[in-house]
PDB file of N, CA and C in Angstrom:
ATOM      1  N   MET A   1     -12.835  -0.720  14.370  1.00  0.00           N
ATOM      2  CA  MET A   1     -13.456  -0.387  13.113  1.00  0.00           C
ATOM      3  C   MET A   1     -12.908  -1.239  11.975  1.00  0.00           C
ATOM      4  N   ARG A   2     -11.630  -1.637  12.067  1.00  0.00           N
ATOM      5  CA  ARG A   2     -11.067  -2.459  10.996  1.00  0.00           C
ATOM      6  C   ARG A   2     -11.817  -3.781  10.894  1.00  0.00           C
ATOM      7  N   GLU A   3     -12.168  -4.365  12.039  1.00  0.00           N
ATOM      8  CA  GLU A   3     -12.915  -5.620  12.007  1.00  0.00           C
ATOM      9  C   GLU A   3     -14.244  -5.443  11.300  1.00  0.00           C
ATOM     10  N   ALA A   4     -14.952  -4.362  11.586  1.00  0.00           N
ATOM     11  CA  ALA A   4     -16.239  -4.111  10.940  1.00  0.00           C
ATOM     12  C   ALA A   4     -16.066  -3.964   9.436  1.00  0.00           C
ATOM     13  N   LEU A   5     -15.028  -3.269   9.023  1.00  0.00           N
ATOM     14  CA  LEU A   5     -14.769  -3.081   7.601  1.00  0.00           C
ATOM     15  C   LEU A   5     -14.479  -4.420   6.933  1.00  0.00           C
ATOM     16  N   ILE A   6     -13.665  -5.247   7.562  1.00  0.00           N
ATOM     17  CA  ILE A   6     -13.338  -6.558   7.004  1.00  0.00           C
ATOM     18  C   ILE A   6     -14.592  -7.423   6.918  1.00  0.00           C
ATOM     19  N   LEU A   7     -15.410  -7.396   7.959  1.00  0.00           N
ATOM     20  CA  LEU A   7     -16.647  -8.172   7.924  1.00  0.00           C
ATOM     21  C   LEU A   7     -17.563  -7.705   6.799  1.00  0.00           C
ATOM     22  N   ALA A   8     -17.647  -6.398   6.602  1.00  0.00           N
ATOM     23  CA  ALA A   8     -18.479  -5.859   5.518  1.00  0.00           C
ATOM     24  C   ALA A   8     -17.955  -6.312   4.159  1.00  0.00           C
ATOM     25  N   ILE A   9     -16.644  -6.324   4.002  1.00  0.00           N
ATOM     26  CA  ILE A   9     -16.035  -6.774   2.748  1.00  0.00           C
ATOM     27  C   ILE A   9     -16.318  -8.251   2.518  1.00  0.00           C
ATOM     28  N   LEU A  10     -16.160  -9.068   3.553  1.00  0.00           N
ATOM     29  CA  LEU A  10     -16.371 -10.508   3.412  1.00  0.00           C
ATOM     30  C   LEU A  10     -17.842 -10.864   3.260  1.00  0.00           C
ATOM     31  N   ARG A  11     -18.709  -9.991   3.689  1.00  0.00           N
ATOM     32  CA  ARG A  11     -20.141 -10.229   3.499  1.00  0.00           C
ATOM     33  C   ARG A  11     -20.478 -10.281   2.005  1.00  0.00           C
ATOM     34  N   GLU A  12     -19.657  -9.615   1.202  1.00  0.00           N
ATOM     35  CA  GLU A  12     -19.870  -9.578  -0.249  1.00  0.00           C
ATOM     36  C   GLU A  12     -19.324 -10.833  -0.935  1.00  0.00           C
ATOM     37  N   GLY A  13     -18.545 -11.640  -0.218  1.00  0.00           N
ATOM     38  CA  GLY A  13     -18.005 -12.872  -0.792  1.00  0.00           C
ATOM     39  C   GLY A  13     -16.624 -13.187  -0.243  1.00  0.00           C
ATOM     40  N   ASN A  14     -16.187 -14.417  -0.460  1.00  0.00           N
ATOM     41  CA  ASN A  14     -14.883 -14.865   0.019  1.00  0.00           C
ATOM     42  C   ASN A  14     -13.773 -14.112  -0.696  1.00  0.00           C
ATOM     43  N   LYS A  15     -12.730 -13.778   0.057  1.00  0.00           N
ATOM     44  CA  LYS A  15     -11.598 -13.050  -0.513  1.00  0.00           C
ATOM     45  C   LYS A  15     -10.319 -13.524   0.156  1.00  0.00           C
ATOM     46  N   TYR A  16      -9.203 -13.351  -0.549  1.00  0.00           N
ATOM     47  CA  TYR A  16      -7.901 -13.656   0.038  1.00  0.00           C
ATOM     48  C   TYR A  16      -7.278 -12.360   0.552  1.00  0.00           C
ATOM     49  N   GLY A  17      -6.196 -12.473   1.294  1.00  0.00           N
ATOM     50  CA  GLY A  17      -5.606 -11.358   2.034  1.00  0.00           C
ATOM     51  C   GLY A  17      -5.381 -10.092   1.239  1.00  0.00           C
ATOM     52  N   ARG A  18      -4.726 -10.194   0.092  1.00  0.00           N
ATOM     53  CA  ARG A  18      -4.436  -8.981  -0.688  1.00  0.00           C
ATOM     54  C   ARG A  18      -5.708  -8.326  -1.213  1.00  0.00           C
ATOM     55  N   GLU A  19      -6.710  -9.130  -1.560  1.00  0.00           N
ATOM     56  CA  GLU A  19      -7.990  -8.558  -1.993  1.00  0.00           C
ATOM     57  C   GLU A  19      -8.635  -7.771  -0.855  1.00  0.00           C
ATOM     58  N   ILE A  20      -8.583  -8.348   0.347  1.00  0.00           N
ATOM     59  CA  ILE A  20      -9.146  -7.666   1.511  1.00  0.00           C
ATOM     60  C   ILE A  20      -8.382  -6.371   1.765  1.00  0.00           C
ATOM     61  N   ARG A  21      -7.056  -6.447   1.723  1.00  0.00           N
ATOM     62  CA  ARG A  21      -6.229  -5.262   1.949  1.00  0.00           C
ATOM     63  C   ARG A  21      -6.543  -4.166   0.940  1.00  0.00           C
ATOM     64  N   ASP A  22      -6.608  -4.531  -0.342  1.00  0.00           N
ATOM     65  CA  ASP A  22      -6.883  -3.544  -1.384  1.00  0.00           C
ATOM     66  C   ASP A  22      -8.241  -2.889  -1.184  1.00  0.00           C
ATOM     67  N   GLU A  23      -9.229  -3.687  -0.818  1.00  0.00           N
ATOM     68  CA  GLU A  23     -10.574  -3.136  -0.600  1.00  0.00           C
ATOM     69  C   GLU A  23     -10.600  -2.255   0.649  1.00  0.00           C
ATOM     70  N   CYS A  24      -9.901  -2.650   1.705  1.00  0.00           N
ATOM     71  CA  CYS A  24      -9.804  -1.814   2.911  1.00  0.00           C
ATOM     72  C   CYS A  24      -9.179  -0.466   2.566  1.00  0.00           C
ATOM     73  N   GLU A  25      -8.110  -0.484   1.793  1.00  0.00           N
ATOM     74  CA  GLU A  25      -7.435   0.765   1.424  1.00  0.00           C
ATOM     75  C   GLU A  25      -8.344   1.653   0.583  1.00  0.00           C
ATOM     76  N   THR A  26      -9.089   1.051  -0.333  1.00  0.00           N
ATOM     77  CA  THR A  26     -10.006   1.820  -1.173  1.00  0.00           C
ATOM     78  C   THR A  26     -11.093   2.466  -0.326  1.00  0.00           C
ATOM     79  N   ARG A  27     -11.694   1.693   0.559  1.00  0.00           N
ATOM     80  CA  ARG A  27     -12.816   2.204   1.361  1.00  0.00           C
ATOM     81  C   ARG A  27     -12.360   3.159   2.462  1.00  0.00           C
ATOM     82  N   ALA A  28     -11.232   2.857   3.103  1.00  0.00           N
ATOM     83  CA  ALA A  28     -10.774   3.678   4.230  1.00  0.00           C
ATOM     84  C   ALA A  28      -9.930   4.861   3.779  1.00  0.00           C
ATOM     85  N   GLY A  29      -9.334   4.759   2.600  1.00  0.00           N
ATOM     86  CA  GLY A  29      -8.539   5.857   2.078  1.00  0.00           C
ATOM     87  C   GLY A  29      -7.160   5.993   2.674  1.00  0.00           C
ATOM     88  N   HIS A  30      -6.638   4.904   3.251  1.00  0.00           N
ATOM     89  CA  HIS A  30      -5.278   4.951   3.780  1.00  0.00           C
ATOM     90  C   HIS A  30      -4.625   3.576   3.670  1.00  0.00           C
ATOM     91  N   ASN A  31      -3.299   3.559   3.804  1.00  0.00           N
ATOM     92  CA  ASN A  31      -2.508   2.351   3.672  1.00  0.00           C
ATOM     93  C   ASN A  31      -2.820   1.357   4.793  1.00  0.00           C
ATOM     94  N   VAL A  32      -2.938   0.081   4.430  1.00  0.00           N
ATOM     95  CA  VAL A  32      -3.146  -0.996   5.397  1.00  0.00           C
ATOM     96  C   VAL A  32      -2.015  -2.006   5.202  1.00  0.00           C
ATOM     97  N   PRO A  33      -1.035  -2.048   6.109  1.00  0.00           N
ATOM     98  CA  PRO A  33       0.065  -3.006   5.968  1.00  0.00           C
ATOM     99  C   PRO A  33      -0.439  -4.448   6.039  1.00  0.00           C
ATOM    100  N   LEU A  34       0.102  -5.306   5.178  1.00  0.00           N
ATOM    101  CA  LEU A  34      -0.341  -6.704   5.152  1.00  0.00           C
ATOM    102  C   LEU A  34      -0.124  -7.403   6.490  1.00  0.00           C
ATOM    103  N   GLY A  35       0.993  -7.134   7.154  1.00  0.00           N
ATOM    104  CA  GLY A  35       1.253  -7.766   8.450  1.00  0.00           C
ATOM    105  C   GLY A  35       0.183  -7.439   9.467  1.00  0.00           C
ATOM    106  N   SER A  36      -0.214  -6.190   9.496  1.00  0.00           N
ATOM    107  CA  SER A  36      -1.270  -5.748  10.405  1.00  0.00           C
ATOM    108  C   SER A  36      -2.605  -6.397  10.045  1.00  0.00           C
ATOM    109  N   LEU A  37      -2.871  -6.485   8.748  1.00  0.00           N
ATOM    110  CA  LEU A  37      -4.115  -7.107   8.293  1.00  0.00           C
ATOM    111  C   LEU A  37      -4.168  -8.568   8.717  1.00  0.00           C
ATOM    112  N   TYR A  38      -3.076  -9.305   8.490  1.00  0.00           N
ATOM    113  CA  TYR A  38      -3.079 -10.733   8.831  1.00  0.00           C
ATOM    114  C   TYR A  38      -3.191 -10.952  10.339  1.00  0.00           C
ATOM    115  N   THR A  39      -2.647 -10.043  11.130  1.00  0.00           N
ATOM    116  CA  THR A  39      -2.819 -10.126  12.584  1.00  0.00           C
ATOM    117  C   THR A  39      -4.299  -9.978  12.937  1.00  0.00           C
ATOM    118  N   THR A  40      -4.955  -9.013  12.307  1.00  0.00           N
ATOM    119  CA  THR A  40      -6.390  -8.794  12.548  1.00  0.00           C
ATOM    120  C   THR A  40      -7.198  -9.997  12.082  1.00  0.00           C
ATOM    121  N   LEU A  41      -6.883 -10.531  10.906  1.00  0.00           N
ATOM    122  CA  LEU A  41      -7.609 -11.701  10.398  1.00  0.00           C
ATOM    123  C   LEU A  41      -7.442 -12.890  11.330  1.00  0.00           C
ATOM    124  N   SER A  42      -6.243 -13.098  11.857  1.00  0.00           N
ATOM    125  CA  SER A  42      -5.991 -14.198  12.779  1.00  0.00           C
ATOM    126  C   SER A  42      -6.822 -14.036  14.050  1.00  0.00           C
ATOM    127  N   ARG A  43      -6.843 -12.823  14.589  1.00  0.00           N
ATOM    128  CA  ARG A  43      -7.626 -12.549  15.800  1.00  0.00           C
ATOM    129  C   ARG A  43      -9.117 -12.769  15.538  1.00  0.00           C
ATOM    130  N   MET A  44      -9.587 -12.337  14.367  1.00  0.00           N
ATOM    131  CA  MET A  44     -11.002 -12.511  14.028  1.00  0.00           C
ATOM    132  C   MET A  44     -11.355 -13.986  13.873  1.00  0.00           C
ATOM    133  N   GLU A  45     -10.419 -14.759  13.342  1.00  0.00           N
ATOM    134  CA  GLU A  45     -10.668 -16.194  13.199  1.00  0.00           C
ATOM    135  C   GLU A  45     -10.718 -16.865  14.574  1.00  0.00           C
ATOM    136  N   GLU A  46      -9.854 -16.454  15.479  1.00  0.00           N
ATOM    137  CA  GLU A  46      -9.873 -16.994  16.850  1.00  0.00           C
ATOM    138  C   GLU A  46     -11.195 -16.681  17.539  1.00  0.00           C
ATOM    139  N   LYS A  47     -11.777 -15.524  17.247  1.00  0.00           N
ATOM    140  CA  LYS A  47     -13.060 -15.134  17.832  1.00  0.00           C
ATOM    141  C   LYS A  47     -14.240 -15.840  17.170  1.00  0.00           C
ATOM    142  N   GLY A  48     -13.987 -16.500  16.034  1.00  0.00           N
ATOM    143  CA  GLY A  48     -15.065 -17.190  15.327  1.00  0.00           C
ATOM    144  C   GLY A  48     -15.854 -16.298  14.384  1.00  0.00           C
ATOM    145  N   LEU A  49     -15.332 -15.093  14.094  1.00  0.00           N
ATOM    146  CA  LEU A  49     -16.045 -14.162  13.215  1.00  0.00           C
ATOM    147  C   LEU A  49     -15.840 -14.501  11.742  1.00  0.00           C
ATOM    148  N   ILE A  50     -14.708 -15.119  11.442  1.00  0.00           N
ATOM    149  CA  ILE A  50     -14.406 -15.529  10.076  1.00  0.00           C
ATOM    150  C   ILE A  50     -13.771 -16.905  10.112  1.00  0.00           C
ATOM    151  N   ARG A  51     -13.696 -17.546   8.963  1.00  0.00           N
ATOM    152  CA  ARG A  51     -12.947 -18.804   8.851  1.00  0.00           C
ATOM    153  C   ARG A  51     -12.139 -18.727   7.571  1.00  0.00           C
ATOM    154  N   SER A  52     -11.078 -19.495   7.514  1.00  0.00           N
ATOM    155  CA  SER A  52     -10.222 -19.489   6.337  1.00  0.00           C
ATOM    156  C   SER A  52     -10.069 -20.891   5.788  1.00  0.00           C
ATOM    157  N   HIS A  53      -9.746 -20.941   4.526  1.00  0.00           N
ATOM    158  CA  HIS A  53      -9.387 -22.203   3.896  1.00  0.00           C
ATOM    159  C   HIS A  53      -8.345 -21.910   2.825  1.00  0.00           C
ATOM    160  N   THR A  54      -7.476 -22.873   2.602  1.00  0.00           N
ATOM    161  CA  THR A  54      -6.390 -22.714   1.637  1.00  0.00           C
ATOM    162  C   THR A  54      -6.779 -23.389   0.341  1.00  0.00           C
ATOM    163  N   GLU A  55      -6.611 -22.654  -0.744  1.00  0.00           N
ATOM    164  CA  GLU A  55      -6.855 -23.233  -2.062  1.00  0.00           C
ATOM    165  C   GLU A  55      -5.538 -23.624  -2.682  1.00  0.00           C
ATOM    166  N   LYS A  56      -5.561 -24.698  -3.438  1.00  0.00           N
ATOM    167  CA  LYS A  56      -4.355 -25.215  -4.065  1.00  0.00           C
ATOM    168  C   LYS A  56      -3.756 -24.185  -5.013  1.00  0.00           C
ATOM    169  N   SER A  57      -2.483 -24.335  -5.235  1.00  0.00           N
ATOM    170  CA  SER A  57      -1.782 -23.430  -6.137  1.00  0.00           C
ATOM    171  C   SER A  57      -2.171 -23.712  -7.576  1.00  0.00           C
ATOM    172  N   SER A  58      -1.942 -22.707  -8.402  1.00  0.00           N
ATOM    173  CA  SER A  58      -2.173 -22.874  -9.829  1.00  0.00           C
ATOM    174  C   SER A  58      -1.005 -22.253 -10.582  1.00  0.00           C
ATOM    175  N   ALA A  59      -0.805 -22.707 -11.781  1.00  0.00           N
ATOM    176  CA  ALA A  59       0.303 -22.190 -12.585  1.00  0.00           C
ATOM    177  C   ALA A  59       0.136 -20.693 -12.830  1.00  0.00           C
ATOM    178  N   GLY A  60      -1.085 -20.227 -12.959  1.00  0.00           N
ATOM    179  CA  GLY A  60      -1.353 -18.811 -13.198  1.00  0.00           C
ATOM    180  C   GLY A  60      -0.931 -17.925 -12.038  1.00  0.00           C
ATOM    181  N   ARG A  61      -0.850 -18.485 -10.841  1.00  0.00           N
ATOM    182  CA  ARG A  61      -0.430 -17.724  -9.662  1.00  0.00           C
ATOM    183  C   ARG A  61       1.011 -18.018  -9.305  1.00  0.00           C
ATOM    184  N   GLY A  62       1.733 -18.670 -10.178  1.00  0.00           N
ATOM    185  CA  GLY A  62       3.126 -18.973  -9.897  1.00  0.00           C
ATOM    186  C   GLY A  62       3.310 -20.056  -8.856  1.00  0.00           C
ATOM    187  N   GLY A  63       2.298 -20.876  -8.650  1.00  0.00           N
ATOM    188  CA  GLY A  63       2.410 -21.978  -7.706  1.00  0.00           C
ATOM    189  C   GLY A  63       2.128 -21.612  -6.259  1.00  0.00           C
ATOM    190  N   ASN A  64       1.681 -20.379  -6.006  1.00  0.00           N
ATOM    191  CA  ASN A  64       1.403 -19.950  -4.630  1.00  0.00           C
ATOM    192  C   ASN A  64      -0.013 -20.339  -4.211  1.00  0.00           C
ATOM    193  N   ARG A  65      -0.117 -20.890  -2.998  1.00  0.00           N
ATOM    194  CA  ARG A  65      -1.434 -21.184  -2.435  1.00  0.00           C
ATOM    195  C   ARG A  65      -1.991 -19.911  -1.822  1.00  0.00           C
ATOM    196  N   ARG A  66      -3.293 -19.798  -1.760  1.00  0.00           N
ATOM    197  CA  ARG A  66      -3.926 -18.631  -1.160  1.00  0.00           C
ATOM    198  C   ARG A  66      -4.872 -19.060  -0.055  1.00  0.00           C
ATOM    199  N   ASN A  67      -4.850 -18.278   1.029  1.00  0.00           N
ATOM    200  CA  ASN A  67      -5.826 -18.463   2.095  1.00  0.00           C
ATOM    201  C   ASN A  67      -7.007 -17.550   1.813  1.00  0.00           C
ATOM    202  N   TYR A  68      -8.168 -18.150   1.671  1.00  0.00           N
ATOM    203  CA  TYR A  68      -9.397 -17.378   1.458  1.00  0.00           C
ATOM    204  C   TYR A  68     -10.141 -17.286   2.780  1.00  0.00           C
ATOM    205  N   TYR A  69     -10.772 -16.154   2.987  1.00  0.00           N
ATOM    206  CA  TYR A  69     -11.502 -15.887   4.224  1.00  0.00           C
ATOM    207  C   TYR A  69     -12.974 -15.709   3.912  1.00  0.00           C
ATOM    208  N   GLN A  70     -13.810 -16.170   4.845  1.00  0.00           N
ATOM    209  CA  GLN A  70     -15.255 -15.986   4.703  1.00  0.00           C
ATOM    210  C   GLN A  70     -15.845 -15.637   6.054  1.00  0.00           C
ATOM    211  N   ILE A  71     -16.922 -14.905   6.015  1.00  0.00           N
ATOM    212  CA  ILE A  71     -17.613 -14.489   7.236  1.00  0.00           C
ATOM    213  C   ILE A  71     -18.425 -15.670   7.773  1.00  0.00           C
ATOM    214  N   THR A  72     -18.516 -15.787   9.071  1.00  0.00           N
ATOM    215  CA  THR A  72     -19.316 -16.836   9.714  1.00  0.00           C
ATOM    216  C   THR A  72     -20.640 -16.228  10.198  1.00  0.00           C
ATOM    217  N   GLY A  73     -21.493 -17.077  10.736  1.00  0.00           N
ATOM    218  CA  GLY A  73     -22.734 -16.589  11.322  1.00  0.00           C
ATOM    219  C   GLY A  73     -22.466 -15.618  12.463  1.00  0.00           C
ATOM    220  N   ALA A  74     -21.476 -15.939  13.287  1.00  0.00           N
ATOM    221  CA  ALA A  74     -21.106 -15.034  14.385  1.00  0.00           C
ATOM    222  C   ALA A  74     -20.592 -13.714  13.831  1.00  0.00           C
ATOM    223  N   GLY A  75     -19.891 -13.770  12.708  1.00  0.00           N
ATOM    224  CA  GLY A  75     -19.406 -12.553  12.065  1.00  0.00           C
ATOM    225  C   GLY A  75     -20.543 -11.694  11.536  1.00  0.00           C
ATOM    226  N   GLN A  76     -21.572 -12.345  10.997  1.00  0.00           N
ATOM    227  CA  GLN A  76     -22.757 -11.617  10.518  1.00  0.00           C
ATOM    228  C   GLN A  76     -23.424 -10.881  11.687  1.00  0.00           C
ATOM    229  N   ILE A  77     -23.541 -11.563  12.793  1.00  0.00           N
ATOM    230  CA  ILE A  77     -24.151 -10.953  13.983  1.00  0.00           C
ATOM    231  C   ILE A  77     -23.302  -9.788  14.469  1.00  0.00           C
ATOM    232  N   ALA A  78     -21.983  -9.991  14.539  1.00  0.00           N
ATOM    233  CA  ALA A  78     -21.086  -8.923  14.985  1.00  0.00           C
ATOM    234  C   ALA A  78     -21.171  -7.713  14.062  1.00  0.00           C
ATOM    235  N   LEU A  79     -21.256  -7.939  12.751  1.00  0.00           N
ATOM    236  CA  LEU A  79     -21.379  -6.828  11.804  1.00  0.00           C
ATOM    237  C   LEU A  79     -22.677  -6.061  12.046  1.00  0.00           C
ATOM    238  N   SER A  80     -23.764  -6.769  12.269  1.00  0.00           N
ATOM    239  CA  SER A  80     -25.045  -6.109  12.573  1.00  0.00           C
ATOM    240  C   SER A  80     -24.938  -5.269  13.837  1.00  0.00           C
ATOM    241  N   GLU A  81     -24.249  -5.792  14.840  1.00  0.00           N
ATOM    242  CA  GLU A  81     -24.066  -5.050  16.093  1.00  0.00           C
ATOM    243  C   GLU A  81     -23.209  -3.807  15.872  1.00  0.00           C
ATOM    244  N   TYR A  82     -22.147  -3.909  15.060  1.00  0.00           N
ATOM    245  CA  TYR A  82     -21.328  -2.740  14.733  1.00  0.00           C
ATOM    246  C   TYR A  82     -22.186  -1.662  14.074  1.00  0.00           C
ATOM    247  N   VAL A  83     -23.027  -2.074  13.132  1.00  0.00           N
ATOM    248  CA  VAL A  83     -23.873  -1.114  12.407  1.00  0.00           C
ATOM    249  C   VAL A  83     -24.865  -0.456  13.371  1.00  0.00           C
ATOM    250  N   GLN A  84     -25.488  -1.240  14.239  1.00  0.00           N
ATOM    251  CA  GLN A  84     -26.434  -0.682  15.202  1.00  0.00           C
ATOM    252  C   GLN A  84     -25.757   0.314  16.130  1.00  0.00           C
ATOM    253  N   LYS A  85     -24.571  -0.032  16.636  1.00  0.00           N
ATOM    254  CA  LYS A  85     -23.835   0.867  17.526  1.00  0.00           C
ATOM    255  C   LYS A  85     -23.439   2.148  16.790  1.00  0.00           C
ATOM    256  N   SER A  86     -23.012   2.018  15.544  1.00  0.00           N
ATOM    257  CA  SER A  86     -22.624   3.194  14.760  1.00  0.00           C
ATOM    258  C   SER A  86     -23.812   4.108  14.542  1.00  0.00           C
ATOM    259  N   ASP A  87     -24.948   3.518  14.188  1.00  0.00           N
ATOM    260  CA  ASP A  87     -26.159   4.325  13.992  1.00  0.00           C
ATOM    261  C   ASP A  87     -26.540   5.041  15.275  1.00  0.00           C
ATOM    262  N   TYR A  88     -26.456   4.330  16.394  1.00  0.00           N
ATOM    263  CA  TYR A  88     -26.783   4.920  17.688  1.00  0.00           C
ATOM    264  C   TYR A  88     -25.864   6.098  17.988  1.00  0.00           C
ATOM    265  N   LEU A  89     -24.564   5.899  17.793  1.00  0.00           N
ATOM    266  CA  LEU A  89     -23.603   6.966  18.081  1.00  0.00           C
ATOM    267  C   LEU A  89     -23.800   8.165  17.157  1.00  0.00           C
ATOM    268  N   LEU A  90     -24.086   7.899  15.902  1.00  0.00           N
ATOM    269  CA  LEU A  90     -24.312   9.008  14.967  1.00  0.00           C
ATOM    270  C   LEU A  90     -25.544   9.819  15.343  1.00  0.00           C
ATOM    271  N   ASN A  91     -26.542   9.149  15.897  1.00  0.00           N
ATOM    272  CA  ASN A  91     -27.750   9.872  16.336  1.00  0.00           C
ATOM    273  C   ASN A  91     -27.522  10.722  17.567  1.00  0.00           C
ATOM    274  N   LEU A  92     -26.439  10.450  18.316  1.00  0.00           N
ATOM    275  CA  LEU A  92     -26.124  11.232  19.495  1.00  0.00           C
ATOM    276  C   LEU A  92     -25.441  12.552  19.128  1.00  0.00           C
ATOM    277  N   VAL A  93     -24.856  12.602  17.956  1.00  0.00           N
ATOM    278  CA  VAL A  93     -24.119  13.781  17.520  1.00  0.00           C
ATOM    279  C   VAL A  93     -25.072  14.703  16.767  1.00  0.00           C
ATOM    280  N   PRO A  94     -25.192  15.963  17.199  1.00  0.00           N
ATOM    281  CA  PRO A  94     -26.096  16.877  16.481  1.00  0.00           C
ATOM    282  C   PRO A  94     -25.527  17.195  15.100  1.00  0.00           C
ATOM    283  N   ASN A  95     -26.438  17.510  14.191  1.00  0.00           N
ATOM    284  CA  ASN A  95     -26.016  17.893  12.834  1.00  0.00           C
ATOM    285  C   ASN A  95     -25.458  19.294  12.838  1.00  0.00           C
ATOM    286  N   TYR A  96     -24.338  19.464  12.179  1.00  0.00           N
ATOM    287  CA  TYR A  96     -23.726  20.781  12.040  1.00  0.00           C
ATOM    288  C   TYR A  96     -23.785  21.168  10.580  1.00  0.00           C
ATOM    289  N   ASP A  97     -24.363  22.315  10.304  1.00  0.00           N
ATOM    290  CA  ASP A  97     -24.452  22.792   8.913  1.00  0.00           C
ATOM    291  C   ASP A  97     -23.565  23.988   8.701  1.00  0.00           C
TER     292      ASP A  97
END
């Protein structure tokens, strides 16, 4: 599910690690350790779901470079498949009132 959430976030535009983490925490409602996030991002990049690029440092960021992530075509397809599977599973569960 974390991969689907990250893909949904990146579908809205390129983001760097802390932005992704903050958005994951907001949407999921729980803490997401940066180390765990970067492991997931690395695995997703190996699968071809996302790609990264490093932007040069700027004085406003204290000279730190940032890796920005973007969704790929394969990532778009994977996100669509996650949504279809989720919809299918939700339809299997009866409504409880």
